[in-house]
């Protein structure tokens, strides 16, 4: 028999068998401890036991690998979970046994071994009823990794977040292939010296899983992604992008940029919307945010401040900078400076 952190006995069969030498295994009969562990590993959430007459049991086994957190989670009694907007990650719940009534925004699905649930960061996520004994494979994917991968494949920045359909049919050939990649990662994480121990190979596995999800599950960019048609940018738009990248600290006005590229202001704005997906102003802001993010990652808290780095990249108002930074990277700039990650 195994004991939880409160000293309560739990059956070893309740502990999911995920991963290797540094795996994190947790089990408890205390709802507060279960809630705290889920918050630490996945997201802040509210947890409510639906059947208070039944004993509460929770078991979780997880392993983080780059932008992915993969784990098996089981509740012994029926529960309800409310995570609100996930913000920092996309998330896939794959029931291995049982069923879970899941919602994201205005979508609902009864997830079971033939239907997974794919949650989007900007939709209110709830598990209205996690049936007793149901086991789910829970995959958390860093939001930036998903959106950067899609932007790279489209050849342009995203104008809006990726919004997936909630229900993922696991019986299709494409979904089965994607699920095989997830199983491969799970297997590799269990064995020391496996592919996951090689940073280069691990990155390829992570990318396979992220790209596979983007290609398998319908979302608001699916038509463009599957068409393979990346519109050829006119030279004037390419020149404007090059100017912004080469001198990211400069706050180009649309008039200055249009003049430098030999195009009208209207032509520049229309070209950006058609071939880049955002306005010139939004593109510059995102590039400066990326540079500020890189500086915060590299900086030492005792040697600089968020305000100094924000001003360096053209963000004089600390509150506004913190707001748009959190929206883009899922964490406060001060947390990045302290070395904390979402």
Protein backbone atom coordinates (compact mmCIF):
# COMPACT_ATOMS: atom_id res chain seq x y z
CA UNK A 1 0.00 0.00 0.00
CA UNK A 2 1.08 3.59 -0.67
CA UNK A 3 0.47 6.62 1.50
CA UNK A 4 -0.51 10.10 0.41
CA UNK A 5 1.00 13.21 1.93
CA UNK A 6 -1.56 13.06 4.71
CA UNK A 7 -0.58 9.47 5.52
CA UNK A 8 -3.78 7.99 4.07
CA UNK A 9 -3.53 4.58 2.38
CA UNK A 10 -4.34 4.38 -1.35
CA UNK A 11 -4.26 1.40 -3.63
CA UNK A 12 -1.21 1.23 -5.94
CA UNK A 13 -3.59 0.43 -8.81
CA UNK A 14 -5.02 3.92 -8.47
CA UNK A 15 -1.67 5.47 -9.33
CA UNK A 16 -1.33 5.98 -13.11
CA UNK A 17 1.80 4.51 -14.68
CA UNK A 18 3.38 7.47 -16.43
CA UNK A 19 6.94 8.10 -16.73
CA UNK A 20 10.47 7.60 -15.79
CA UNK A 21 13.18 8.31 -13.33
CA UNK A 22 12.18 11.86 -12.45
CA UNK A 23 8.43 11.45 -12.73
CA UNK A 24 6.13 13.31 -10.38
CA UNK A 25 3.62 11.03 -8.65
CA UNK A 26 0.97 12.39 -6.34
CA UNK A 27 -2.03 10.86 -4.59
CA UNK A 28 -4.28 12.04 -1.80
CA UNK A 29 -7.68 11.73 -0.17
CA UNK A 30 -7.70 15.45 0.68
CA UNK A 31 -9.53 17.67 -1.91
CA UNK A 32 -7.52 20.74 -0.88
CA UNK A 33 -4.23 18.96 -1.55
CA UNK A 34 -5.52 17.68 -4.89
CA UNK A 35 -6.53 21.21 -5.85
CA UNK A 36 -3.11 22.60 -4.87
CA UNK A 37 -1.26 19.93 -6.87
CA UNK A 38 -3.40 20.50 -9.96
CA UNK A 39 -2.73 24.22 -9.65
CA UNK A 40 1.02 23.64 -9.37
CA UNK A 41 1.17 21.28 -12.34
CA UNK A 42 -1.58 22.57 -14.61
CA UNK A 43 -3.78 25.59 -13.76
CA UNK A 44 -5.52 27.39 -10.88
CA UNK A 45 -9.00 25.91 -10.59
CA UNK A 46 -12.01 25.28 -8.43
CA UNK A 47 -12.69 21.67 -7.47
CA UNK A 48 -16.00 20.43 -6.08
CA UNK A 49 -16.84 16.87 -5.09
CA UNK A 50 -20.29 16.04 -6.50
CA UNK A 51 -20.89 12.91 -4.46
CA UNK A 52 -19.92 13.81 -0.91
CA UNK A 53 -21.07 10.45 0.45
CA UNK A 54 -18.32 8.69 -1.52
CA UNK A 55 -14.71 8.82 -0.29
CA UNK A 56 -12.53 11.31 -2.16
CA UNK A 57 -9.49 9.86 -3.91
CA UNK A 58 -7.14 11.52 -6.37
CA UNK A 59 -4.09 10.16 -8.17
CA UNK A 60 -1.85 11.91 -10.70
CA UNK A 61 1.41 11.07 -12.42
CA UNK A 62 3.06 13.68 -14.65
CA UNK A 63 6.22 14.60 -16.53
CA UNK A 64 7.10 17.90 -18.18
CA UNK A 65 9.11 17.96 -21.38
CA UNK A 66 9.86 21.29 -23.03
CA UNK A 67 6.58 23.00 -23.93
CA UNK A 68 4.54 19.92 -22.98
CA UNK A 69 3.24 18.57 -19.68
CA UNK A 70 1.87 15.06 -19.95
CA UNK A 71 0.11 13.19 -17.20
CA UNK A 72 -2.54 10.70 -16.17
CA UNK A 73 -5.18 11.88 -13.75
CA UNK A 74 -7.85 9.92 -11.91
CA UNK A 75 -10.59 10.78 -9.41
CA UNK A 76 -12.24 8.07 -7.31
CA UNK A 77 -15.53 9.97 -6.96
CA UNK A 78 -17.46 12.32 -9.25
CA UNK A 79 -16.05 15.85 -9.28
CA UNK A 80 -16.51 19.18 -11.05
CA UNK A 81 -13.51 21.30 -12.10
CA UNK A 82 -13.60 24.95 -13.19
CA UNK A 83 -10.33 26.35 -14.55
CA UNK A 84 -11.73 29.55 -16.08
CA UNK A 85 -9.69 30.79 -19.05
CA UNK A 86 -6.47 28.78 -19.29
CA UNK A 87 -4.60 31.79 -20.83
CA UNK A 88 -1.11 30.27 -20.93
CA UNK A 89 -1.73 26.95 -22.68
CA UNK A 90 -3.76 24.82 -25.02
CA UNK A 91 -4.91 21.61 -23.40
CA UNK A 92 -6.08 18.18 -24.56
CA UNK A 93 -7.86 15.70 -22.28
CA UNK A 94 -7.89 12.12 -23.61
CA UNK A 95 -10.10 9.78 -21.56
CA UNK A 96 -8.59 6.32 -21.22
CA UNK A 97 -11.53 4.98 -19.21
CA UNK A 98 -14.91 6.43 -18.27
CA UNK A 99 -16.30 9.77 -19.41
CA UNK A 100 -16.05 13.47 -18.59
CA UNK A 101 -18.59 16.15 -19.50
CA UNK A 102 -16.38 18.99 -20.75
CA UNK A 103 -17.03 22.58 -21.82
CA UNK A 104 -14.99 25.37 -23.39
CA UNK A 105 -16.76 28.64 -24.08
CA UNK A 106 -20.07 27.77 -25.76
CA UNK A 107 -18.96 24.27 -26.81
CA UNK A 108 -19.71 21.05 -24.93
CA UNK A 109 -18.64 17.43 -25.39
CA UNK A 110 -19.00 14.19 -23.46
CA UNK A 111 -15.38 13.05 -23.66
CA UNK A 112 -14.75 9.29 -23.64
CA UNK A 113 -12.15 6.87 -25.04
CA UNK A 114 -13.29 7.66 -28.60
CA UNK A 115 -13.62 11.46 -28.17
CA UNK A 116 -11.05 13.79 -26.62
CA UNK A 117 -11.56 17.43 -25.55
CA UNK A 118 -9.32 20.22 -26.88
CA UNK A 119 -9.41 23.41 -24.81
CA UNK A 120 -8.49 26.87 -26.11
CA UNK A 121 -6.77 29.40 -23.78
CA UNK A 122 -9.40 32.10 -24.33
CA UNK A 123 -12.47 29.96 -23.64
CA UNK A 124 -13.89 29.34 -20.15
CA UNK A 125 -12.91 25.73 -19.42
CA UNK A 126 -14.94 23.48 -17.12
CA UNK A 127 -15.24 19.76 -16.51
CA UNK A 128 -18.85 19.64 -15.37
CA UNK A 129 -18.74 16.00 -14.35
CA UNK A 130 -15.65 13.82 -14.14
CA UNK A 131 -17.25 10.39 -13.65
CA UNK A 132 -15.97 8.22 -10.77
CA UNK A 133 -12.90 6.17 -11.66
CA UNK A 134 -12.43 7.86 -15.04
CA UNK A 135 -8.79 8.19 -16.09
CA UNK A 136 -7.66 10.92 -18.46
CA UNK A 137 -4.38 11.53 -20.23
CA UNK A 138 -3.97 15.30 -19.77
CA UNK A 139 -1.71 17.13 -22.22
CA UNK A 140 -0.84 20.78 -21.56
CA UNK A 141 0.87 22.59 -24.47
CA UNK A 142 2.50 25.99 -24.02
CA UNK A 143 0.47 28.58 -25.90
CA UNK A 144 3.50 30.23 -27.47
CA UNK A 145 4.70 26.92 -28.90
CA UNK A 146 1.38 26.30 -30.64
CA UNK A 147 0.99 29.81 -31.99
CA UNK A 148 4.64 30.14 -33.06
CA UNK A 149 4.47 26.82 -34.90
CA UNK A 150 1.32 27.84 -36.75
CA UNK A 151 2.69 31.30 -37.59
CA UNK A 152 5.83 29.67 -39.01
CA UNK A 153 3.79 27.33 -41.19
CA UNK A 154 1.52 30.11 -42.42
CA UNK A 155 4.46 32.42 -43.03
CA UNK A 156 2.91 35.28 -41.12
CA UNK A 157 2.02 36.38 -37.56
CA UNK A 158 -1.38 35.33 -36.23
CA UNK A 159 -4.01 38.05 -36.04
CA UNK A 160 -6.10 36.15 -33.44
CA UNK A 161 -5.48 33.18 -31.11
CA UNK A 162 -5.98 29.65 -32.43
CA UNK A 163 -9.51 28.52 -31.52
CA UNK A 164 -9.93 24.75 -31.74
CA UNK A 165 -13.16 22.82 -31.99
CA UNK A 166 -13.67 21.18 -28.60
CA UNK A 167 -14.53 17.61 -29.68
CA UNK A 168 -11.66 15.58 -31.16
CA UNK A 169 -12.79 12.35 -32.83
CA UNK A 170 -10.10 9.84 -31.89
CA UNK A 171 -11.39 7.18 -34.30
CA UNK A 172 -10.18 8.91 -37.49
CA UNK A 173 -6.90 7.83 -39.11
CA UNK A 174 -5.39 11.31 -38.61
CA UNK A 175 -6.32 11.37 -34.91
CA UNK A 176 -4.98 7.84 -34.43
CA UNK A 177 -1.67 8.92 -35.95
CA UNK A 178 -1.52 11.94 -33.65
CA UNK A 179 -2.37 9.78 -30.65
CA UNK A 180 0.48 7.44 -31.59
CA UNK A 181 2.86 10.42 -31.36
CA UNK A 182 1.55 11.26 -27.87
CA UNK A 183 2.00 7.63 -26.83
CA UNK A 184 5.53 7.66 -28.23
CA UNK A 185 6.37 10.70 -26.09
CA UNK A 186 4.86 9.02 -23.04
CA UNK A 187 6.91 5.89 -23.72
CA UNK A 188 10.14 7.81 -24.27
CA UNK A 189 9.66 9.75 -21.05
CA UNK A 190 9.52 6.47 -19.15
CA UNK A 191 12.90 5.19 -20.24
CA UNK A 192 16.24 6.78 -19.36
CA UNK A 193 18.47 7.19 -22.39
CA UNK A 194 15.50 7.31 -24.75
CA UNK A 195 14.89 9.79 -27.54
CA UNK A 196 13.42 12.31 -25.11
CA UNK A 197 16.83 12.64 -23.42
CA UNK A 198 18.27 14.14 -26.60
CA UNK A 199 17.33 17.84 -26.80
CA UNK A 200 17.38 17.75 -30.60
CA UNK A 201 15.22 14.65 -30.93
CA UNK A 202 12.93 15.74 -28.10
CA UNK A 203 12.29 19.03 -29.92
CA UNK A 204 11.29 17.08 -33.02
CA UNK A 205 8.86 14.93 -31.00
CA UNK A 206 7.34 18.04 -29.40
CA UNK A 207 6.96 19.67 -32.80
CA UNK A 208 5.38 16.51 -34.23
CA UNK A 209 2.74 16.55 -31.51
CA UNK A 210 2.01 20.28 -31.87
CA UNK A 211 1.93 20.21 -35.68
CA UNK A 212 -0.12 17.02 -35.62
CA UNK A 213 -2.75 18.66 -33.44
CA UNK A 214 -2.88 21.71 -35.73
CA UNK A 215 -3.35 19.49 -38.78
CA UNK A 216 -5.77 17.04 -37.16
CA UNK A 217 -8.16 19.18 -35.15
CA UNK A 218 -10.31 21.85 -36.87
CA UNK A 219 -9.59 25.46 -35.87
CA UNK A 220 -10.02 28.97 -37.22
CA UNK A 221 -6.85 28.74 -39.36
CA UNK A 222 -7.48 25.23 -40.72
CA UNK A 223 -8.55 26.27 -44.23
CA UNK A 224 -5.46 28.41 -44.73
CA UNK A 225 -3.16 25.80 -43.20
CA UNK A 226 -4.49 22.92 -45.32
CA UNK A 227 -4.66 24.92 -48.53
CA UNK A 228 -0.88 25.32 -48.46
CA UNK A 229 -1.42 28.65 -50.17
CA UNK A 230 0.83 31.21 -48.59
CA UNK A 231 0.18 34.40 -50.60
CA UNK A 232 3.32 35.84 -52.14
CA UNK A 233 4.10 39.14 -50.49
CA UNK A 234 4.77 42.13 -52.71
CA UNK A 235 8.30 43.52 -52.49
CA UNK A 236 7.02 46.70 -50.82
CA UNK A 237 5.55 44.69 -47.90
CA UNK A 238 8.69 42.53 -47.61
CA UNK A 239 10.80 45.71 -47.52
CA UNK A 240 8.61 47.17 -44.76
CA UNK A 241 8.99 44.00 -42.70
CA UNK A 242 12.76 44.07 -43.19
CA UNK A 243 12.93 47.71 -42.06
CA UNK A 244 10.97 46.95 -38.89
CA UNK A 245 13.07 43.88 -38.07
CA UNK A 246 16.34 45.72 -38.69
CA UNK A 247 15.43 48.69 -36.49
CA UNK A 248 12.91 47.33 -34.00
CA UNK A 249 13.64 50.07 -31.45
CA UNK A 250 12.44 52.74 -33.86
CA UNK A 251 8.78 53.71 -33.60
CA UNK A 252 8.02 53.88 -37.31
CA UNK A 253 4.94 55.87 -38.25
CA UNK A 254 2.85 54.49 -41.09
CA UNK A 255 3.72 57.59 -43.12
CA UNK A 256 7.48 57.08 -42.61
CA UNK A 257 7.27 53.41 -43.43
CA UNK A 258 5.18 53.98 -46.56
CA UNK A 259 7.58 56.67 -47.80
CA UNK A 260 10.62 54.46 -47.20
CA UNK A 261 9.01 51.64 -49.17
CA UNK A 262 7.68 53.79 -52.01
CA UNK A 263 4.02 53.02 -51.46
CA UNK A 264 0.98 54.99 -50.34
CA UNK A 265 -0.18 54.85 -46.72
CA UNK A 266 -3.39 53.17 -47.83
CA UNK A 267 -1.49 50.67 -49.98
CA UNK A 268 0.82 49.82 -47.07
CA UNK A 269 -2.04 49.31 -44.63
CA UNK A 270 -4.03 47.16 -47.06
CA UNK A 271 -0.91 45.15 -47.93
CA UNK A 272 -0.20 44.42 -44.26
CA UNK A 273 -3.78 43.31 -43.63
CA UNK A 274 -3.78 41.04 -46.69
CA UNK A 275 -0.29 39.57 -46.58
CA UNK A 276 0.74 39.87 -42.91
CA UNK A 277 -2.62 39.57 -41.17
CA UNK A 278 -2.18 42.57 -38.86
CA UNK A 279 -1.72 46.33 -39.18
CA UNK A 280 1.79 47.87 -39.41
CA UNK A 281 1.33 49.23 -35.88
CA UNK A 282 0.34 45.82 -34.45
CA UNK A 283 3.23 44.12 -36.22
CA UNK A 284 5.74 46.61 -34.79
CA UNK A 285 4.25 46.25 -31.31
CA UNK A 286 4.53 42.44 -31.44
CA UNK A 287 8.14 42.59 -32.63
CA UNK A 288 9.05 44.99 -29.81
CA UNK A 289 7.27 42.74 -27.33
CA UNK A 290 9.33 39.80 -28.58
CA UNK A 291 12.55 41.80 -28.10
CA UNK A 292 11.48 42.90 -24.62
CA UNK A 293 10.65 39.28 -23.76
CA UNK A 294 14.10 38.14 -24.90
CA UNK A 295 15.77 40.86 -22.80
CA UNK A 296 13.73 39.93 -19.73
CA UNK A 297 14.72 36.28 -20.14
CA UNK A 298 18.39 37.19 -20.38
CA UNK A 299 18.45 39.86 -17.66
CA UNK A 300 19.33 39.54 -13.98
CA UNK A 301 16.73 41.02 -11.56
CA UNK A 302 19.40 42.87 -9.59
CA UNK A 303 20.85 44.59 -12.63
CA UNK A 304 17.80 46.02 -14.41
CA UNK A 305 14.04 46.38 -14.09
CA UNK A 306 10.92 45.73 -16.11
CA UNK A 307 10.42 49.48 -16.56
CA UNK A 308 13.90 49.97 -18.02
CA UNK A 309 13.47 47.16 -20.54
CA UNK A 310 9.92 48.27 -21.40
CA UNK A 311 11.09 51.82 -22.14
CA UNK A 312 13.98 50.50 -24.23
CA UNK A 313 11.44 48.87 -26.56
CA UNK A 314 9.00 51.75 -26.73
CA UNK A 315 6.58 50.97 -23.88
CA UNK A 316 6.66 53.99 -21.54
CA UNK A 317 3.54 53.04 -19.53
CA UNK A 318 4.27 50.15 -17.15
CA UNK A 319 0.64 49.14 -16.61
CA UNK A 320 -0.16 48.99 -20.29
CA UNK A 321 3.04 47.09 -21.01
CA UNK A 322 2.27 44.51 -18.31
CA UNK A 323 -1.24 44.01 -19.74
CA UNK A 324 -0.23 43.39 -23.35
CA UNK A 325 2.83 41.36 -22.26
CA UNK A 326 0.68 38.99 -20.18
CA UNK A 327 -1.82 38.66 -23.01
CA UNK A 328 0.94 37.64 -25.43
CA UNK A 329 3.16 35.49 -23.19
CA UNK A 330 0.76 34.29 -20.50
CA UNK A 331 2.84 35.59 -17.58
CA UNK A 332 3.67 38.97 -16.03
CA UNK A 333 6.92 40.60 -17.20
CA UNK A 334 8.14 40.73 -13.60
CA UNK A 335 7.75 36.95 -13.39
CA UNK A 336 9.84 36.49 -16.55
CA UNK A 337 12.55 38.70 -15.08
CA UNK A 338 12.58 36.58 -11.92
CA UNK A 339 13.08 33.47 -14.01
CA UNK A 340 9.53 32.13 -13.59
CA UNK A 341 7.82 30.41 -16.51
CA UNK A 342 4.14 29.87 -17.26
